Amino acid sequence: MVFGVRLRQARERKAITQEALATLAGIDEFTASARISQYETGKHVPRYEIACRLADALDVPVAFLYAHDEATAQLLMRWQGASVSSRRQALAALGKQPA
């Protein structure tokens, strides 16, 4: 069910319809809206290949669509938008052992 919640969040963040998302992801236009609806409601979960295409269309990391908690989801979104130097700093900070 988490996939559907994250998919809807990302779609609404991008402010596009289910049909527009399906079209951007290369899903058959005759089943487009119904398939996205089924993914969002948790009735079906797409194959990983389709999930990757949906993530690309939504400009989110595919891992975001599978993130079980909000903190991880937000971290993934921030990571995607971070500069290389910011990523290095974050990794260095996370790698430090507490005293």
N, C-alpha and C. Protein backbone atom coordinates (compact mmCIF):
# COMPACT_ATOMS: atom_id res chain seq x y z
N MET A 1 0.82 -1.19 0.00
CA MET A 1 0.00 0.00 0.00
C MET A 1 0.86 1.26 0.00
N VAL A 2 2.08 1.17 0.55
CA VAL A 2 2.95 2.35 0.61
C VAL A 2 3.26 2.87 -0.79
N PHE A 3 3.41 1.98 -1.74
CA PHE A 3 3.70 2.41 -3.11
C PHE A 3 2.61 3.35 -3.61
N GLY A 4 1.37 2.99 -3.39
CA GLY A 4 0.25 3.82 -3.86
C GLY A 4 0.21 5.18 -3.21
N VAL A 5 0.49 5.22 -1.92
CA VAL A 5 0.50 6.49 -1.19
C VAL A 5 1.60 7.39 -1.75
N ARG A 6 2.79 6.85 -1.91
CA ARG A 6 3.92 7.64 -2.43
C ARG A 6 3.68 8.06 -3.88
N LEU A 7 3.09 7.18 -4.67
CA LEU A 7 2.81 7.51 -6.07
C LEU A 7 1.86 8.71 -6.12
N ARG A 8 0.82 8.68 -5.33
CA ARG A 8 -0.15 9.79 -5.31
C ARG A 8 0.53 11.07 -4.82
N GLN A 9 1.35 10.97 -3.78
CA GLN A 9 2.06 12.15 -3.28
C GLN A 9 2.90 12.79 -4.38
N ALA A 10 3.65 11.96 -5.08
CA ALA A 10 4.53 12.47 -6.13
C ALA A 10 3.73 13.04 -7.29
N ARG A 11 2.64 12.39 -7.65
CA ARG A 11 1.81 12.88 -8.76
C ARG A 11 1.17 14.22 -8.39
N GLU A 12 0.66 14.33 -7.19
CA GLU A 12 0.03 15.58 -6.77
C GLU A 12 1.07 16.69 -6.62
N ARG A 13 2.27 16.34 -6.17
CA ARG A 13 3.37 17.31 -6.08
C ARG A 13 3.69 17.89 -7.44
N LYS A 14 3.63 17.05 -8.46
CA LYS A 14 3.91 17.50 -9.82
C LYS A 14 2.67 18.13 -10.47
N ALA A 15 1.53 17.99 -9.82
CA ALA A 15 0.26 18.58 -10.28
C ALA A 15 -0.15 18.08 -11.67
N ILE A 16 -0.15 16.75 -11.82
CA ILE A 16 -0.61 16.17 -13.08
C ILE A 16 -1.69 15.12 -12.80
N THR A 17 -2.48 14.84 -13.81
CA THR A 17 -3.54 13.85 -13.68
C THR A 17 -2.97 12.44 -13.78
N GLN A 18 -3.80 11.48 -13.40
CA GLN A 18 -3.40 10.08 -13.54
C GLN A 18 -3.13 9.75 -15.00
N GLU A 19 -3.98 10.24 -15.87
CA GLU A 19 -3.82 9.97 -17.30
C GLU A 19 -2.53 10.59 -17.83
N ALA A 20 -2.23 11.81 -17.41
CA ALA A 20 -0.99 12.47 -17.86
C ALA A 20 0.23 11.69 -17.38
N LEU A 21 0.19 11.22 -16.14
CA LEU A 21 1.30 10.44 -15.61
C LEU A 21 1.50 9.17 -16.43
N ALA A 22 0.41 8.47 -16.69
CA ALA A 22 0.50 7.23 -17.47
C ALA A 22 1.10 7.50 -18.84
N THR A 23 0.68 8.57 -19.47
CA THR A 23 1.19 8.93 -20.79
C THR A 23 2.69 9.21 -20.72
N LEU A 24 3.11 9.99 -19.72
CA LEU A 24 4.53 10.29 -19.56
C LEU A 24 5.36 9.04 -19.31
N ALA A 25 4.76 8.06 -18.65
CA ALA A 25 5.46 6.82 -18.32
C ALA A 25 5.37 5.79 -19.44
N GLY A 26 4.65 6.13 -20.51
CA GLY A 26 4.56 5.21 -21.65
C GLY A 26 3.58 4.07 -21.46
N ILE A 27 2.58 4.30 -20.62
CA ILE A 27 1.56 3.28 -20.39
C ILE A 27 0.47 3.46 -21.43
N ASP A 28 -0.05 2.36 -21.94
CA ASP A 28 -1.09 2.36 -22.97
C ASP A 28 -2.22 3.32 -22.62
N GLU A 29 -2.53 4.23 -23.51
CA GLU A 29 -3.53 5.27 -23.24
C GLU A 29 -4.93 4.72 -22.97
N PHE A 30 -5.24 3.54 -23.45
CA PHE A 30 -6.58 2.97 -23.25
C PHE A 30 -6.79 2.47 -21.82
N THR A 31 -5.70 2.16 -21.13
CA THR A 31 -5.80 1.68 -19.75
C THR A 31 -5.13 2.64 -18.77
N ALA A 32 -4.66 3.76 -19.26
CA ALA A 32 -3.82 4.68 -18.50
C ALA A 32 -4.39 5.08 -17.15
N SER A 33 -5.51 5.74 -17.15
CA SER A 33 -6.07 6.26 -15.90
C SER A 33 -6.43 5.13 -14.94
N ALA A 34 -7.01 4.07 -15.46
CA ALA A 34 -7.41 2.95 -14.61
C ALA A 34 -6.20 2.30 -13.95
N ARG A 35 -5.11 2.14 -14.69
CA ARG A 35 -3.91 1.51 -14.12
C ARG A 35 -3.30 2.35 -13.02
N ILE A 36 -3.19 3.65 -13.25
CA ILE A 36 -2.62 4.52 -12.22
C ILE A 36 -3.52 4.52 -10.99
N SER A 37 -4.81 4.54 -11.20
CA SER A 37 -5.76 4.48 -10.08
C SER A 37 -5.58 3.20 -9.28
N GLN A 38 -5.40 2.09 -9.97
CA GLN A 38 -5.20 0.81 -9.28
C GLN A 38 -3.88 0.80 -8.51
N TYR A 39 -2.86 1.42 -9.06
CA TYR A 39 -1.58 1.52 -8.34
C TYR A 39 -1.74 2.38 -7.10
N GLU A 40 -2.44 3.51 -7.23
CA GLU A 40 -2.59 4.44 -6.11
C GLU A 40 -3.46 3.86 -4.99
N THR A 41 -4.42 3.05 -5.33
CA THR A 41 -5.29 2.47 -4.31
C THR A 41 -4.71 1.19 -3.71
N GLY A 42 -3.64 0.69 -4.27
CA GLY A 42 -3.01 -0.52 -3.76
C GLY A 42 -3.62 -1.80 -4.29
N LYS A 43 -4.53 -1.68 -5.24
CA LYS A 43 -5.13 -2.88 -5.83
C LYS A 43 -4.08 -3.68 -6.60
N HIS A 44 -3.18 -2.98 -7.26
CA HIS A 44 -2.08 -3.61 -7.99
C HIS A 44 -0.80 -2.84 -7.70
N VAL A 45 0.32 -3.54 -7.76
CA VAL A 45 1.64 -2.91 -7.65
C VAL A 45 2.35 -3.20 -8.97
N PRO A 46 2.89 -2.16 -9.59
CA PRO A 46 3.52 -2.38 -10.90
C PRO A 46 4.84 -3.13 -10.79
N ARG A 47 5.23 -3.73 -11.89
CA ARG A 47 6.57 -4.33 -11.97
C ARG A 47 7.60 -3.22 -11.75
N TYR A 48 8.78 -3.60 -11.32
CA TYR A 48 9.82 -2.62 -11.02
C TYR A 48 10.13 -1.75 -12.24
N GLU A 49 10.15 -2.33 -13.41
CA GLU A 49 10.42 -1.57 -14.64
C GLU A 49 9.42 -0.44 -14.82
N ILE A 50 8.15 -0.72 -14.57
CA ILE A 50 7.11 0.30 -14.68
C ILE A 50 7.28 1.33 -13.57
N ALA A 51 7.62 0.89 -12.37
CA ALA A 51 7.86 1.81 -11.25
C ALA A 51 8.98 2.79 -11.60
N CYS A 52 10.01 2.29 -12.26
CA CYS A 52 11.12 3.16 -12.67
C CYS A 52 10.65 4.21 -13.67
N ARG A 53 9.81 3.80 -14.60
CA ARG A 53 9.28 4.75 -15.60
C ARG A 53 8.37 5.78 -14.93
N LEU A 54 7.58 5.35 -13.96
CA LEU A 54 6.72 6.29 -13.23
C LEU A 54 7.57 7.29 -12.44
N ALA A 55 8.60 6.78 -11.77
CA ALA A 55 9.50 7.65 -11.00
C ALA A 55 10.17 8.67 -11.91
N ASP A 56 10.64 8.23 -13.06
CA ASP A 56 11.27 9.15 -14.01
C ASP A 56 10.29 10.24 -14.44
N ALA A 57 9.06 9.84 -14.74
CA ALA A 57 8.04 10.79 -15.17
C ALA A 57 7.71 11.80 -14.07
N LEU A 58 7.84 11.37 -12.82
CA LEU A 58 7.52 12.23 -11.69
C LEU A 58 8.73 12.96 -11.12
N ASP A 59 9.90 12.70 -11.66
CA ASP A 59 11.15 13.31 -11.19
C ASP A 59 11.41 13.00 -9.72
N VAL A 60 11.21 11.75 -9.36
CA VAL A 60 11.51 11.29 -8.00
C VAL A 60 12.38 10.04 -8.10
N PRO A 61 13.20 9.78 -7.08
CA PRO A 61 13.95 8.52 -7.08
C PRO A 61 12.98 7.36 -6.91
N VAL A 62 13.22 6.27 -7.59
CA VAL A 62 12.31 5.13 -7.50
C VAL A 62 12.21 4.64 -6.06
N ALA A 63 13.26 4.77 -5.29
CA ALA A 63 13.23 4.35 -3.88
C ALA A 63 12.18 5.13 -3.09
N PHE A 64 11.91 6.37 -3.49
CA PHE A 64 10.88 7.17 -2.83
C PHE A 64 9.53 6.45 -2.86
N LEU A 65 9.23 5.81 -3.98
CA LEU A 65 7.94 5.13 -4.14
C LEU A 65 7.78 3.93 -3.20
N TYR A 66 8.89 3.44 -2.67
CA TYR A 66 8.86 2.28 -1.78
C TYR A 66 9.20 2.63 -0.33
N ALA A 67 9.44 3.91 -0.03
CA ALA A 67 9.84 4.33 1.31
C ALA A 67 8.69 4.13 2.29
N HIS A 68 8.93 3.37 3.35
CA HIS A 68 7.88 3.02 4.31
C HIS A 68 7.60 4.11 5.33
N ASP A 69 8.57 5.00 5.57
CA ASP A 69 8.31 6.06 6.55
C ASP A 69 8.56 7.43 5.91
N GLU A 70 7.92 8.42 6.47
CA GLU A 70 7.98 9.77 5.91
C GLU A 70 9.38 10.36 5.95
N ALA A 71 10.13 10.09 7.01
CA ALA A 71 11.48 10.64 7.13
C ALA A 71 12.38 10.12 6.00
N THR A 72 12.29 8.84 5.70
CA THR A 72 13.09 8.27 4.62
C THR A 72 12.66 8.85 3.28
N ALA A 73 11.37 8.99 3.08
CA ALA A 73 10.85 9.56 1.83
C ALA A 73 11.37 10.98 1.63
N GLN A 74 11.33 11.79 2.69
CA GLN A 74 11.80 13.16 2.59
C GLN A 74 13.31 13.21 2.37
N LEU A 75 14.05 12.33 3.03
CA LEU A 75 15.49 12.27 2.84
C LEU A 75 15.83 11.95 1.38
N LEU A 76 15.12 11.00 0.81
CA LEU A 76 15.37 10.64 -0.59
C LEU A 76 15.10 11.81 -1.53
N MET A 77 14.04 12.56 -1.27
CA MET A 77 13.73 13.71 -2.11
C MET A 77 14.78 14.80 -1.97
N ARG A 78 15.22 15.04 -0.75
CA ARG A 78 16.26 16.06 -0.54
C ARG A 78 17.59 15.62 -1.13
N TRP A 79 17.89 14.34 -1.02
CA TRP A 79 19.13 13.81 -1.56
C TRP A 79 19.18 14.02 -3.07
N GLN A 80 18.07 13.76 -3.73
CA GLN A 80 18.01 13.90 -5.19
C GLN A 80 18.33 15.34 -5.61
N GLY A 81 17.86 16.30 -4.86
CA GLY A 81 18.07 17.70 -5.22
C GLY A 81 19.36 18.30 -4.69
N ALA A 82 20.11 17.54 -3.92
CA ALA A 82 21.32 18.07 -3.29
C ALA A 82 22.49 18.10 -4.27
N SER A 83 23.36 19.06 -4.06
CA SER A 83 24.57 19.16 -4.86
C SER A 83 25.54 18.04 -4.46
N VAL A 84 26.54 17.83 -5.27
CA VAL A 84 27.55 16.81 -4.98
C VAL A 84 28.25 17.13 -3.67
N SER A 85 28.59 18.40 -3.46
CA SER A 85 29.30 18.75 -2.22
C SER A 85 28.40 18.55 -1.00
N SER A 86 27.11 18.86 -1.13
CA SER A 86 26.19 18.64 -0.02
C SER A 86 26.06 17.15 0.29
N ARG A 87 26.04 16.33 -0.75
CA ARG A 87 25.96 14.88 -0.55
C ARG A 87 27.19 14.37 0.18
N ARG A 88 28.37 14.87 -0.22
CA ARG A 88 29.61 14.45 0.43
C ARG A 88 29.60 14.84 1.91
N GLN A 89 29.14 16.06 2.19
CA GLN A 89 29.08 16.52 3.58
C GLN A 89 28.12 15.66 4.39
N ALA A 90 26.99 15.34 3.82
CA ALA A 90 26.00 14.51 4.51
C ALA A 90 26.55 13.13 4.80
N LEU A 91 27.21 12.54 3.81
CA LEU A 91 27.79 11.21 4.01
C LEU A 91 28.89 11.25 5.07
N ALA A 92 29.69 12.31 5.05
CA ALA A 92 30.75 12.44 6.06
C ALA A 92 30.15 12.57 7.45
N ALA A 93 29.09 13.37 7.57
CA ALA A 93 28.44 13.55 8.87
C ALA A 93 27.81 12.26 9.36
N LEU A 94 27.21 11.51 8.46
CA LEU A 94 26.59 10.25 8.84
C LEU A 94 27.64 9.19 9.20
N GLY A 95 28.82 9.31 8.62
CA GLY A 95 29.85 8.32 8.86
C GLY A 95 30.61 8.52 10.16
N LYS A 96 30.47 9.68 10.78
CA LYS A 96 31.18 9.96 12.04
C LYS A 96 30.62 9.12 13.18
N GLN A 97 31.51 8.56 13.95
CA GLN A 97 31.11 7.75 15.09
C GLN A 97 30.92 8.65 16.31
N PRO A 98 29.89 8.41 17.09
CA PRO A 98 29.71 9.23 18.31
C PRO A 98 30.86 9.00 19.29
N ALA A 99 31.15 10.05 20.04
CA ALA A 99 32.27 9.99 21.00
C ALA A 99 31.93 9.14 22.20
